[in-house]
PDB file of N, CA and C in Angstrom:
ATOM      1  N   MET A   1      53.878  71.701  23.094  1.00  0.00           N
ATOM      2  CA  MET A   1      54.151  72.731  24.076  1.00  0.00           C
ATOM      3  C   MET A   1      54.018  72.209  25.503  1.00  0.00           C
ATOM      4  N   SER A   2      52.961  71.475  25.771  1.00  0.00           N
ATOM      5  CA  SER A   2      52.814  71.000  27.137  1.00  0.00           C
ATOM      6  C   SER A   2      53.962  70.047  27.451  1.00  0.00           C
ATOM      7  N   GLY A   3      54.441  70.092  28.662  1.00  0.00           N
ATOM      8  CA  GLY A   3      55.570  69.287  29.072  1.00  0.00           C
ATOM      9  C   GLY A   3      56.914  69.956  28.838  1.00  0.00           C
ATOM     10  N   SER A   4      56.909  71.122  28.231  1.00  0.00           N
ATOM     11  CA  SER A   4      58.152  71.834  27.966  1.00  0.00           C
ATOM     12  C   SER A   4      58.768  72.311  29.275  1.00  0.00           C
ATOM     13  N   GLN A   5      60.080  72.174  29.391  1.00  0.00           N
ATOM     14  CA  GLN A   5      60.792  72.650  30.573  1.00  0.00           C
ATOM     15  C   GLN A   5      61.467  73.997  30.319  1.00  0.00           C
ATOM     16  N   ARG A   6      61.291  74.521  29.110  1.00  0.00           N
ATOM     17  CA  ARG A   6      61.913  75.785  28.737  1.00  0.00           C
ATOM     18  C   ARG A   6      61.233  76.940  29.459  1.00  0.00           C
ATOM     19  N   LYS A   7      62.042  77.848  29.965  1.00  0.00           N
ATOM     20  CA  LYS A   7      61.504  79.053  30.595  1.00  0.00           C
ATOM     21  C   LYS A   7      61.216  80.062  29.481  1.00  0.00           C
ATOM     22  N   VAL A   8      59.988  80.565  29.453  1.00  0.00           N
ATOM     23  CA  VAL A   8      59.563  81.511  28.429  1.00  0.00           C
ATOM     24  C   VAL A   8      59.019  82.752  29.117  1.00  0.00           C
ATOM     25  N   LEU A   9      59.542  83.884  28.719  1.00  0.00           N
ATOM     26  CA  LEU A   9      59.037  85.169  29.194  1.00  0.00           C
ATOM     27  C   LEU A   9      58.562  85.910  27.958  1.00  0.00           C
ATOM     28  N   PHE A  10      57.250  86.071  27.831  1.00  0.00           N
ATOM     29  CA  PHE A  10      56.647  86.720  26.676  1.00  0.00           C
ATOM     30  C   PHE A  10      56.392  88.178  27.029  1.00  0.00           C
ATOM     31  N   LEU A  11      57.019  89.086  26.292  1.00  0.00           N
ATOM     32  CA  LEU A  11      56.860  90.515  26.524  1.00  0.00           C
ATOM     33  C   LEU A  11      56.123  91.118  25.342  1.00  0.00           C
ATOM     34  N   HIS A  12      55.102  91.909  25.635  1.00  0.00           N
ATOM     35  CA  HIS A  12      54.307  92.527  24.573  1.00  0.00           C
ATOM     36  C   HIS A  12      54.136  94.011  24.875  1.00  0.00           C
ATOM     37  N   ALA A  13      54.185  94.823  23.826  1.00  0.00           N
ATOM     38  CA  ALA A  13      53.928  96.262  23.960  1.00  0.00           C
ATOM     39  C   ALA A  13      52.916  96.656  22.897  1.00  0.00           C
ATOM     40  N   GLY A  14      51.981  97.515  23.283  1.00  0.00           N
ATOM     41  CA  GLY A  14      50.979  97.955  22.326  1.00  0.00           C
ATOM     42  C   GLY A  14      50.201  99.147  22.827  1.00  0.00           C
ATOM     43  N   ASP A  15      49.254  99.568  22.016  1.00  0.00           N
ATOM     44  CA  ASP A  15      48.421 100.708  22.369  1.00  0.00           C
ATOM     45  C   ASP A  15      47.413 100.357  23.461  1.00  0.00           C
ATOM     46  N   SER A  16      46.758  99.199  23.310  1.00  0.00           N
ATOM     47  CA  SER A  16      45.702  98.799  24.242  1.00  0.00           C
ATOM     48  C   SER A  16      45.505  97.290  24.167  1.00  0.00           C
ATOM     49  N   MET A  17      44.711  96.752  25.075  1.00  0.00           N
ATOM     50  CA  MET A  17      44.401  95.324  25.029  1.00  0.00           C
ATOM     51  C   MET A  17      43.642  94.993  23.753  1.00  0.00           C
ATOM     52  N   ALA A  18      42.820  95.915  23.281  1.00  0.00           N
ATOM     53  CA  ALA A  18      42.052  95.673  22.060  1.00  0.00           C
ATOM     54  C   ALA A  18      42.951  95.508  20.841  1.00  0.00           C
ATOM     55  N   SER A  19      44.150  96.097  20.872  1.00  0.00           N
ATOM     56  CA  SER A  19      45.062  95.998  19.723  1.00  0.00           C
ATOM     57  C   SER A  19      46.064  94.848  19.864  1.00  0.00           C
ATOM     58  N   PHE A  20      45.977  94.069  20.904  1.00  0.00           N
ATOM     59  CA  PHE A  20      46.884  92.941  21.155  1.00  0.00           C
ATOM     60  C   PHE A  20      46.403  91.761  20.306  1.00  0.00           C
ATOM     61  N   ALA A  21      47.016  91.601  19.141  1.00  0.00           N
ATOM     62  CA  ALA A  21      46.619  90.540  18.216  1.00  0.00           C
ATOM     63  C   ALA A  21      46.877  89.163  18.830  1.00  0.00           C
ATOM     64  N   LEU A  22      45.911  88.275  18.688  1.00  0.00           N
ATOM     65  CA  LEU A  22      46.010  86.889  19.158  1.00  0.00           C
ATOM     66  C   LEU A  22      46.240  86.774  20.661  1.00  0.00           C
ATOM     67  N   ARG A  23      45.792  87.761  21.414  1.00  0.00           N
ATOM     68  CA  ARG A  23      46.021  87.782  22.869  1.00  0.00           C
ATOM     69  C   ARG A  23      45.510  86.513  23.552  1.00  0.00           C
ATOM     70  N   ASN A  24      44.291  86.099  23.233  1.00  0.00           N
ATOM     71  CA  ASN A  24      43.731  84.910  23.889  1.00  0.00           C
ATOM     72  C   ASN A  24      44.513  83.655  23.537  1.00  0.00           C
ATOM     73  N   GLN A  25      44.956  83.553  22.286  1.00  0.00           N
ATOM     74  CA  GLN A  25      45.740  82.394  21.864  1.00  0.00           C
ATOM     75  C   GLN A  25      47.096  82.372  22.568  1.00  0.00           C
ATOM     76  N   VAL A  26      47.753  83.534  22.653  1.00  0.00           N
ATOM     77  CA  VAL A  26      49.045  83.624  23.335  1.00  0.00           C
ATOM     78  C   VAL A  26      48.884  83.215  24.801  1.00  0.00           C
ATOM     79  N   ALA A  27      47.871  83.752  25.469  1.00  0.00           N
ATOM     80  CA  ALA A  27      47.644  83.428  26.877  1.00  0.00           C
ATOM     81  C   ALA A  27      47.377  81.933  27.062  1.00  0.00           C
ATOM     82  N   ALA A  28      46.578  81.349  26.180  1.00  0.00           N
ATOM     83  CA  ALA A  28      46.273  79.915  26.276  1.00  0.00           C
ATOM     84  C   ALA A  28      47.534  79.073  26.066  1.00  0.00           C
ATOM     85  N   ASP A  29      48.353  79.453  25.094  1.00  0.00           N
ATOM     86  CA  ASP A  29      49.590  78.708  24.836  1.00  0.00           C
ATOM     87  C   ASP A  29      50.552  78.801  26.015  1.00  0.00           C
ATOM     88  N   LEU A  30      50.672  79.991  26.598  1.00  0.00           N
ATOM     89  CA  LEU A  30      51.579  80.166  27.738  1.00  0.00           C
ATOM     90  C   LEU A  30      51.119  79.361  28.953  1.00  0.00           C
ATOM     91  N   LYS A  31      49.809  79.224  29.121  1.00  0.00           N
ATOM     92  CA  LYS A  31      49.283  78.443  30.247  1.00  0.00           C
ATOM     93  C   LYS A  31      49.665  76.968  30.152  1.00  0.00           C
ATOM     94  N   LYS A  32      49.953  76.499  28.954  1.00  0.00           N
ATOM     95  CA  LYS A  32      50.324  75.096  28.755  1.00  0.00           C
ATOM     96  C   LYS A  32      51.764  74.824  29.147  1.00  0.00           C
ATOM     97  N   MET A  33      52.537  75.872  29.352  1.00  0.00           N
ATOM     98  CA  MET A  33      53.949  75.713  29.699  1.00  0.00           C
ATOM     99  C   MET A  33      54.157  76.071  31.166  1.00  0.00           C
ATOM    100  N   PRO A  34      54.703  75.159  31.965  1.00  0.00           N
ATOM    101  CA  PRO A  34      54.810  75.406  33.405  1.00  0.00           C
ATOM    102  C   PRO A  34      55.761  76.540  33.785  1.00  0.00           C
ATOM    103  N   TYR A  35      56.675  76.899  32.901  1.00  0.00           N
ATOM    104  CA  TYR A  35      57.662  77.931  33.233  1.00  0.00           C
ATOM    105  C   TYR A  35      57.511  79.151  32.326  1.00  0.00           C
ATOM    106  N   ALA A  36      56.284  79.488  31.976  1.00  0.00           N
ATOM    107  CA  ALA A  36      56.038  80.616  31.083  1.00  0.00           C
ATOM    108  C   ALA A  36      55.295  81.729  31.813  1.00  0.00           C
ATOM    109  N   SER A  37      55.603  82.961  31.437  1.00  0.00           N
ATOM    110  CA  SER A  37      54.900  84.115  31.991  1.00  0.00           C
ATOM    111  C   SER A  37      54.821  85.206  30.934  1.00  0.00           C
ATOM    112  N   MET A  38      53.975  86.198  31.191  1.00  0.00           N
ATOM    113  CA  MET A  38      53.776  87.278  30.239  1.00  0.00           C
ATOM    114  C   MET A  38      53.759  88.617  30.964  1.00  0.00           C
ATOM    115  N   SER A  39      54.383  89.611  30.341  1.00  0.00           N
ATOM    116  CA  SER A  39      54.314  90.997  30.796  1.00  0.00           C
ATOM    117  C   SER A  39      53.901  91.838  29.605  1.00  0.00           C
ATOM    118  N   THR A  40      53.000  92.781  29.842  1.00  0.00           N
ATOM    119  CA  THR A  40      52.457  93.622  28.776  1.00  0.00           C
ATOM    120  C   THR A  40      52.605  95.079  29.152  1.00  0.00           C
ATOM    121  N   TRP A  41      53.015  95.900  28.196  1.00  0.00           N
ATOM    122  CA  TRP A  41      53.077  97.352  28.353  1.00  0.00           C
ATOM    123  C   TRP A  41      52.046  97.958  27.423  1.00  0.00           C
ATOM    124  N   LEU A  42      51.204  98.831  27.979  1.00  0.00           N
ATOM    125  CA  LEU A  42      50.142  99.451  27.190  1.00  0.00           C
ATOM    126  C   LEU A  42      50.160 100.958  27.354  1.00  0.00           C
ATOM    127  N   LEU A  43      49.988 101.654  26.241  1.00  0.00           N
ATOM    128  CA  LEU A  43      49.868 103.114  26.321  1.00  0.00           C
ATOM    129  C   LEU A  43      48.532 103.488  26.930  1.00  0.00           C
ATOM    130  N   ASN A  44      47.501 102.693  26.644  1.00  0.00           N
ATOM    131  CA  ASN A  44      46.178 102.902  27.213  1.00  0.00           C
ATOM    132  C   ASN A  44      45.752 101.609  27.912  1.00  0.00           C
ATOM    133  N   PRO A  45      45.934 101.523  29.230  1.00  0.00           N
ATOM    134  CA  PRO A  45      45.650 100.267  29.929  1.00  0.00           C
ATOM    135  C   PRO A  45      44.160 100.000  30.208  1.00  0.00           C
ATOM    136  N   GLU A  46      43.291 100.864  29.740  1.00  0.00           N
ATOM    137  CA  GLU A  46      41.855 100.653  29.961  1.00  0.00           C
ATOM    138  C   GLU A  46      41.452  99.291  29.394  1.00  0.00           C
ATOM    139  N   GLY A  47      40.706  98.537  30.169  1.00  0.00           N
ATOM    140  CA  GLY A  47      40.275  97.209  29.743  1.00  0.00           C
ATOM    141  C   GLY A  47      41.280  96.118  30.054  1.00  0.00           C
ATOM    142  N   ALA A  48      42.352  96.443  30.777  1.00  0.00           N
ATOM    143  CA  ALA A  48      43.381  95.453  31.092  1.00  0.00           C
ATOM    144  C   ALA A  48      43.080  94.691  32.375  1.00  0.00           C
ATOM    145  N   ASP A  49      41.998  95.040  33.066  1.00  0.00           N
ATOM    146  CA  ASP A  49      41.640  94.324  34.291  1.00  0.00           C
ATOM    147  C   ASP A  49      41.446  92.844  33.975  1.00  0.00           C
ATOM    148  N   GLY A  50      42.055  91.998  34.752  1.00  0.00           N
ATOM    149  CA  GLY A  50      41.928  90.561  34.555  1.00  0.00           C
ATOM    150  C   GLY A  50      42.847  90.005  33.481  1.00  0.00           C
ATOM    151  N   ALA A  51      43.727  90.824  32.933  1.00  0.00           N
ATOM    152  CA  ALA A  51      44.651  90.352  31.903  1.00  0.00           C
ATOM    153  C   ALA A  51      45.662  89.388  32.508  1.00  0.00           C
ATOM    154  N   GLU A  52      46.153  88.488  31.688  1.00  0.00           N
ATOM    155  CA  GLU A  52      47.164  87.530  32.117  1.00  0.00           C
ATOM    156  C   GLU A  52      48.479  88.252  32.401  1.00  0.00           C
ATOM    157  N   GLY A  53      49.184  87.835  33.428  1.00  0.00           N
ATOM    158  CA  GLY A  53      50.511  88.363  33.721  1.00  0.00           C
ATOM    159  C   GLY A  53      50.515  89.788  34.233  1.00  0.00           C
ATOM    160  N   GLU A  54      51.691  90.380  34.205  1.00  0.00           N
ATOM    161  CA  GLU A  54      51.859  91.759  34.668  1.00  0.00           C
ATOM    162  C   GLU A  54      51.477  92.725  33.556  1.00  0.00           C
ATOM    163  N   VAL A  55      50.824  93.816  33.933  1.00  0.00           N
ATOM    164  CA  VAL A  55      50.469  94.862  32.969  1.00  0.00           C
ATOM    165  C   VAL A  55      51.079  96.166  33.449  1.00  0.00           C
ATOM    166  N   HIS A  56      51.845  96.805  32.560  1.00  0.00           N
ATOM    167  CA  HIS A  56      52.506  98.069  32.850  1.00  0.00           C
ATOM    168  C   HIS A  56      51.924  99.151  31.950  1.00  0.00           C
ATOM    169  N   THR A  57      51.945 100.380  32.431  1.00  0.00           N
ATOM    170  CA  THR A  57      51.483 101.506  31.637  1.00  0.00           C
ATOM    171  C   THR A  57      52.682 102.205  30.996  1.00  0.00           C
ATOM    172  N   GLY A  58      52.536 102.550  29.726  1.00  0.00           N
ATOM    173  CA  GLY A  58      53.587 103.277  29.024  1.00  0.00           C
ATOM    174  C   GLY A  58      54.350 102.410  28.050  1.00  0.00           C
ATOM    175  N   PHE A  59      55.525 102.915  27.657  1.00  0.00           N
ATOM    176  CA  PHE A  59      56.376 102.195  26.709  1.00  0.00           C
ATOM    177  C   PHE A  59      57.100 101.050  27.408  1.00  0.00           C
ATOM    178  N   MET A  60      57.468 100.030  26.644  1.00  0.00           N
ATOM    179  CA  MET A  60      58.158  98.876  27.209  1.00  0.00           C
ATOM    180  C   MET A  60      59.468  99.299  27.866  1.00  0.00           C
ATOM    181  N   ASP A  61      59.662  98.811  29.069  1.00  0.00           N
ATOM    182  CA  ASP A  61      60.899  99.037  29.811  1.00  0.00           C
ATOM    183  C   ASP A  61      61.388  97.666  30.253  1.00  0.00           C
ATOM    184  N   ILE A  62      62.353  97.119  29.536  1.00  0.00           N
ATOM    185  CA  ILE A  62      62.793  95.756  29.836  1.00  0.00           C
ATOM    186  C   ILE A  62      63.430  95.619  31.203  1.00  0.00           C
ATOM    187  N   ARG A  63      63.818  96.744  31.803  1.00  0.00           N
ATOM    188  CA  ARG A  63      64.388  96.664  33.152  1.00  0.00           C
ATOM    189  C   ARG A  63      63.363  96.163  34.152  1.00  0.00           C
ATOM    190  N   ALA A  64      62.081  96.302  33.840  1.00  0.00           N
ATOM    191  CA  ALA A  64      61.017  95.828  34.729  1.00  0.00           C
ATOM    192  C   ALA A  64      60.689  94.357  34.493  1.00  0.00           C
ATOM    193  N   ALA A  65      61.385  93.725  33.557  1.00  0.00           N
ATOM    194  CA  ALA A  65      61.021  92.369  33.151  1.00  0.00           C
ATOM    195  C   ALA A  65      61.804  91.258  33.836  1.00  0.00           C
ATOM    196  N   ASN A  66      62.792  91.572  34.660  1.00  0.00           N
ATOM    197  CA  ASN A  66      63.576  90.539  35.331  1.00  0.00           C
ATOM    198  C   ASN A  66      64.110  89.522  34.306  1.00  0.00           C
ATOM    199  N   LEU A  67      64.955  90.014  33.416  1.00  0.00           N
ATOM    200  CA  LEU A  67      65.474  89.197  32.327  1.00  0.00           C
ATOM    201  C   LEU A  67      66.365  88.068  32.841  1.00  0.00           C
ATOM    202  N   PRO A  68      66.128  86.858  32.362  1.00  0.00           N
ATOM    203  CA  PRO A  68      66.966  85.731  32.786  1.00  0.00           C
ATOM    204  C   PRO A  68      68.356  85.802  32.141  1.00  0.00           C
ATOM    205  N   GLU A  69      69.336  85.241  32.817  1.00  0.00           N
ATOM    206  CA  GLU A  69      70.678  85.183  32.246  1.00  0.00           C
ATOM    207  C   GLU A  69      70.711  84.124  31.153  1.00  0.00           C
ATOM    208  N   ASP A  70      71.642  84.232  30.269  1.00  0.00           N
ATOM    209  CA  ASP A  70      71.886  83.330  29.132  1.00  0.00           C
ATOM    210  C   ASP A  70      70.615  82.931  28.380  1.00  0.00           C
ATOM    211  N   ALA A  71      69.740  83.903  28.159  1.00  0.00           N
ATOM    212  CA  ALA A  71      68.509  83.675  27.398  1.00  0.00           C
ATOM    213  C   ALA A  71      68.727  84.012  25.933  1.00  0.00           C
ATOM    214  N   GLU A  72      67.830  83.532  25.098  1.00  0.00           N
ATOM    215  CA  GLU A  72      67.776  83.909  23.694  1.00  0.00           C
ATOM    216  C   GLU A  72      66.587  84.843  23.543  1.00  0.00           C
ATOM    217  N   TYR A  73      66.733  85.877  22.742  1.00  0.00           N
ATOM    218  CA  TYR A  73      65.691  86.884  22.588  1.00  0.00           C
ATOM    219  C   TYR A  73      65.222  86.924  21.141  1.00  0.00           C
ATOM    220  N   TYR A  74      63.910  86.949  20.955  1.00  0.00           N
ATOM    221  CA  TYR A  74      63.303  87.011  19.634  1.00  0.00           C
ATOM    222  C   TYR A  74      62.382  88.225  19.603  1.00  0.00           C
ATOM    223  N   LEU A  75      62.709  89.171  18.738  1.00  0.00           N
ATOM    224  CA  LEU A  75      61.948  90.411  18.639  1.00  0.00           C
ATOM    225  C   LEU A  75      61.135  90.404  17.357  1.00  0.00           C
ATOM    226  N   CYS A  76      59.934  90.947  17.435  1.00  0.00           N
ATOM    227  CA  CYS A  76      59.087  91.096  16.267  1.00  0.00           C
ATOM    228  C   CYS A  76      58.335  92.410  16.415  1.00  0.00           C
ATOM    229  N   GLY A  77      58.328  93.209  15.376  1.00  0.00           N
ATOM    230  CA  GLY A  77      57.614  94.473  15.430  1.00  0.00           C
ATOM    231  C   GLY A  77      58.182  95.457  14.439  1.00  0.00           C
ATOM    232  N   PRO A  78      57.736  96.691  14.519  1.00  0.00           N
ATOM    233  CA  PRO A  78      58.277  97.728  13.649  1.00  0.00           C
ATOM    234  C   PRO A  78      59.759  97.973  13.952  1.00  0.00           C
ATOM    235  N   VAL A  79      60.493  98.428  12.947  1.00  0.00           N
ATOM    236  CA  VAL A  79      61.937  98.607  13.062  1.00  0.00           C
ATOM    237  C   VAL A  79      62.315  99.508  14.241  1.00  0.00           C
ATOM    238  N   VAL A  80      61.665 100.647  14.395  1.00  0.00           N
ATOM    239  CA  VAL A  80      62.020 101.585  15.466  1.00  0.00           C
ATOM    240  C   VAL A  80      61.840 100.929  16.836  1.00  0.00           C
ATOM    241  N   PHE A  81      60.768 100.180  17.021  1.00  0.00           N
ATOM    242  CA  PHE A  81      60.530  99.468  18.280  1.00  0.00           C
ATOM    243  C   PHE A  81      61.651  98.473  18.546  1.00  0.00           C
ATOM    244  N   MET A  82      61.987  97.680  17.529  1.00  0.00           N
ATOM    245  CA  MET A  82      63.019  96.658  17.729  1.00  0.00           C
ATOM    246  C   MET A  82      64.386  97.279  17.982  1.00  0.00           C
ATOM    247  N   GLN A  83      64.693  98.388  17.336  1.00  0.00           N
ATOM    248  CA  GLN A  83      65.958  99.074  17.605  1.00  0.00           C
ATOM    249  C   GLN A  83      66.020  99.521  19.063  1.00  0.00           C
ATOM    250  N   SER A  84      64.922 100.043  19.557  1.00  0.00           N
ATOM    251  CA  SER A  84      64.872 100.509  20.943  1.00  0.00           C
ATOM    252  C   SER A  84      65.051  99.345  21.924  1.00  0.00           C
ATOM    253  N   VAL A  85      64.332  98.264  21.696  1.00  0.00           N
ATOM    254  CA  VAL A  85      64.422  97.104  22.595  1.00  0.00           C
ATOM    255  C   VAL A  85      65.796  96.460  22.497  1.00  0.00           C
ATOM    256  N   ARG A  86      66.338  96.328  21.286  1.00  0.00           N
ATOM    257  CA  ARG A  86      67.671  95.733  21.117  1.00  0.00           C
ATOM    258  C   ARG A  86      68.721  96.573  21.846  1.00  0.00           C
ATOM    259  N   THR A  87      68.637  97.881  21.717  1.00  0.00           N
ATOM    260  CA  THR A  87      69.571  98.770  22.406  1.00  0.00           C
ATOM    261  C   THR A  87      69.476  98.581  23.916  1.00  0.00           C
ATOM    262  N   ALA A  88      68.254  98.474  24.431  1.00  0.00           N
ATOM    263  CA  ALA A  88      68.058  98.279  25.870  1.00  0.00           C
ATOM    264  C   ALA A  88      68.591  96.920  26.323  1.00  0.00           C
ATOM    265  N   LEU A  89      68.384  95.886  25.505  1.00  0.00           N
ATOM    266  CA  LEU A  89      68.904  94.562  25.859  1.00  0.00           C
ATOM    267  C   LEU A  89      70.431  94.561  25.911  1.00  0.00           C
ATOM    268  N   ILE A  90      71.054  95.167  24.927  1.00  0.00           N
ATOM    269  CA  ILE A  90      72.519  95.232  24.901  1.00  0.00           C
ATOM    270  C   ILE A  90      73.035  96.039  26.091  1.00  0.00           C
ATOM    271  N   ALA A  91      72.350  97.138  26.415  1.00  0.00           N
ATOM    272  CA  ALA A  91      72.741  97.938  27.583  1.00  0.00           C
ATOM    273  C   ALA A  91      72.606  97.128  28.874  1.00  0.00           C
ATOM    274  N   ALA A  92      71.682  96.152  28.879  1.00  0.00           N
ATOM    275  CA  ALA A  92      71.486  95.299  30.054  1.00  0.00           C
ATOM    276  C   ALA A  92      72.480  94.135  30.086  1.00  0.00           C
ATOM    277  N   GLY A  93      73.381  94.084  29.094  1.00  0.00           N
ATOM    278  CA  GLY A  93      74.406  93.051  29.085  1.00  0.00           C
ATOM    279  C   GLY A  93      74.120  91.845  28.216  1.00  0.00           C
ATOM    280  N   VAL A  94      73.053  91.883  27.439  1.00  0.00           N
ATOM    281  CA  VAL A  94      72.729  90.757  26.553  1.00  0.00           C
ATOM    282  C   VAL A  94      73.634  90.826  25.320  1.00  0.00           C
ATOM    283  N   PRO A  95      74.340  89.741  24.995  1.00  0.00           N
ATOM    284  CA  PRO A  95      75.180  89.747  23.798  1.00  0.00           C
ATOM    285  C   PRO A  95      74.328  89.867  22.534  1.00  0.00           C
ATOM    286  N   ALA A  96      74.784  90.671  21.579  1.00  0.00           N
ATOM    287  CA  ALA A  96      74.039  90.895  20.335  1.00  0.00           C
ATOM    288  C   ALA A  96      73.735  89.575  19.620  1.00  0.00           C
ATOM    289  N   LYS A  97      74.618  88.590  19.731  1.00  0.00           N
ATOM    290  CA  LYS A  97      74.410  87.299  19.056  1.00  0.00           C
ATOM    291  C   LYS A  97      73.180  86.554  19.592  1.00  0.00           C
ATOM    292  N   ASP A  98      72.707  86.927  20.771  1.00  0.00           N
ATOM    293  CA  ASP A  98      71.553  86.259  21.375  1.00  0.00           C
ATOM    294  C   ASP A  98      70.233  86.969  21.065  1.00  0.00           C
ATOM    295  N   ILE A  99      70.274  87.958  20.183  1.00  0.00           N
ATOM    296  CA  ILE A  99      69.064  88.723  19.843  1.00  0.00           C
ATOM    297  C   ILE A  99      68.740  88.500  18.370  1.00  0.00           C
ATOM    298  N   GLN A 100      67.621  87.872  18.112  1.00  0.00           N
ATOM    299  CA  GLN A 100      67.128  87.644  16.752  1.00  0.00           C
ATOM    300  C   GLN A 100      65.919  88.552  16.535  1.00  0.00           C
ATOM    301  N   TYR A 101      65.591  88.830  15.280  1.00  0.00           N
ATOM    302  CA  TYR A 101      64.456  89.716  15.040  1.00  0.00           C
ATOM    303  C   TYR A 101      63.776  89.411  13.712  1.00  0.00           C
ATOM    304  N   GLU A 102      62.528  89.860  13.616  1.00  0.00           N
ATOM    305  CA  GLU A 102      61.748  89.781  12.387  1.00  0.00           C
ATOM    306  C   GLU A 102      60.939  91.061  12.283  1.00  0.00           C
ATOM    307  N   VAL A 103      61.058  91.726  11.153  1.00  0.00           N
ATOM    308  CA  VAL A 103      60.348  92.991  10.951  1.00  0.00           C
ATOM    309  C   VAL A 103      58.856  92.719  10.759  1.00  0.00           C
ATOM    310  N   PHE A 104      58.050  93.449  11.493  1.00  0.00           N
ATOM    311  CA  PHE A 104      56.595  93.397  11.364  1.00  0.00           C
ATOM    312  C   PHE A 104      56.134  94.815  11.094  1.00  0.00           C
ATOM    313  N   GLY A 105      55.722  95.079   9.894  1.00  0.00           N
ATOM    314  CA  GLY A 105      55.303  96.425   9.513  1.00  0.00           C
ATOM    315  C   GLY A 105      55.932  96.790   8.189  1.00  0.00           C
ATOM    316  N   PRO A 106      55.751  98.010   7.754  1.00  0.00           N
ATOM    317  CA  PRO A 106      56.287  98.413   6.458  1.00  0.00           C
ATOM    318  C   PRO A 106      57.806  98.448   6.466  1.00  0.00           C
ATOM    319  N   ASP A 107      58.380  98.077   5.359  1.00  0.00           N
ATOM    320  CA  ASP A 107      59.827  98.109   5.191  1.00  0.00           C
ATOM    321  C   ASP A 107      60.190  99.462   4.570  1.00  0.00           C
ATOM    322  N   PRO A 108      60.878 100.329   5.318  1.00  0.00           N
ATOM    323  CA  PRO A 108      61.181 101.671   4.794  1.00  0.00           C
ATOM    324  C   PRO A 108      62.004 101.644   3.506  1.00  0.00           C
ATOM    325  N   TRP A 109      62.769 100.586   3.296  1.00  0.00           N
ATOM    326  CA  TRP A 109      63.593 100.494   2.111  1.00  0.00           C
ATOM    327  C   TRP A 109      62.725 100.373   0.865  1.00  0.00           C
ATOM    328  N   LEU A 110      61.583  99.704   0.968  1.00  0.00           N
ATOM    329  CA  LEU A 110      60.704  99.519  -0.170  1.00  0.00           C
ATOM    330  C   LEU A 110      59.733 100.679  -0.380  1.00  0.00           C
ATOM    331  N   ALA A 111      59.618 101.526   0.599  1.00  0.00           N
ATOM    332  CA  ALA A 111      58.635 102.614   0.532  1.00  0.00           C
ATOM    333  C   ALA A 111      58.980 103.596  -0.593  1.00  0.00           C
ATOM    334  N   ASP A 112      57.957 104.109  -1.231  1.00  0.00           N
ATOM    335  CA  ASP A 112      58.120 105.117  -2.270  1.00  0.00           C
ATOM    336  C   ASP A 112      57.847 106.468  -1.628  1.00  0.00           C
ATOM    337  N   TYR A 113      58.903 107.227  -1.379  1.00  0.00           N
ATOM    338  CA  TYR A 113      58.759 108.499  -0.684  1.00  0.00           C
ATOM    339  C   TYR A 113      58.500 109.666  -1.614  1.00  0.00           C
ATOM    340  N   GLN A 114      58.365 109.438  -2.899  1.00  0.00           N
ATOM    341  CA  GLN A 114      58.163 110.549  -3.841  1.00  0.00           C
ATOM    342  C   GLN A 114      56.715 110.801  -4.124  1.00  0.00           C
TER     343      GLN A 114
END
């Protein structure tokens, strides 16, 4: 990671800083990259004082993220979250081919609703 010239913008959304899994590891890894930054959206920003990068209150709004042109996007999270972010990225002019994703959470297709 160190010595990388790749620009990385790490965006995270969650309930609180306490629910941000691997937060310290993510922050440490980003510090090793000279062109990396982080923005976090929290429903409950209590305890966010001194957090790395920008901290926003509420749901993720990618318009506040200053998205770079010709970037590749990697989404991870629950399906509804990723649908919302993907829709916002496409509305911002990002080609669908540049958006990759991985489901994190229960798969509704496998769920037993009976």
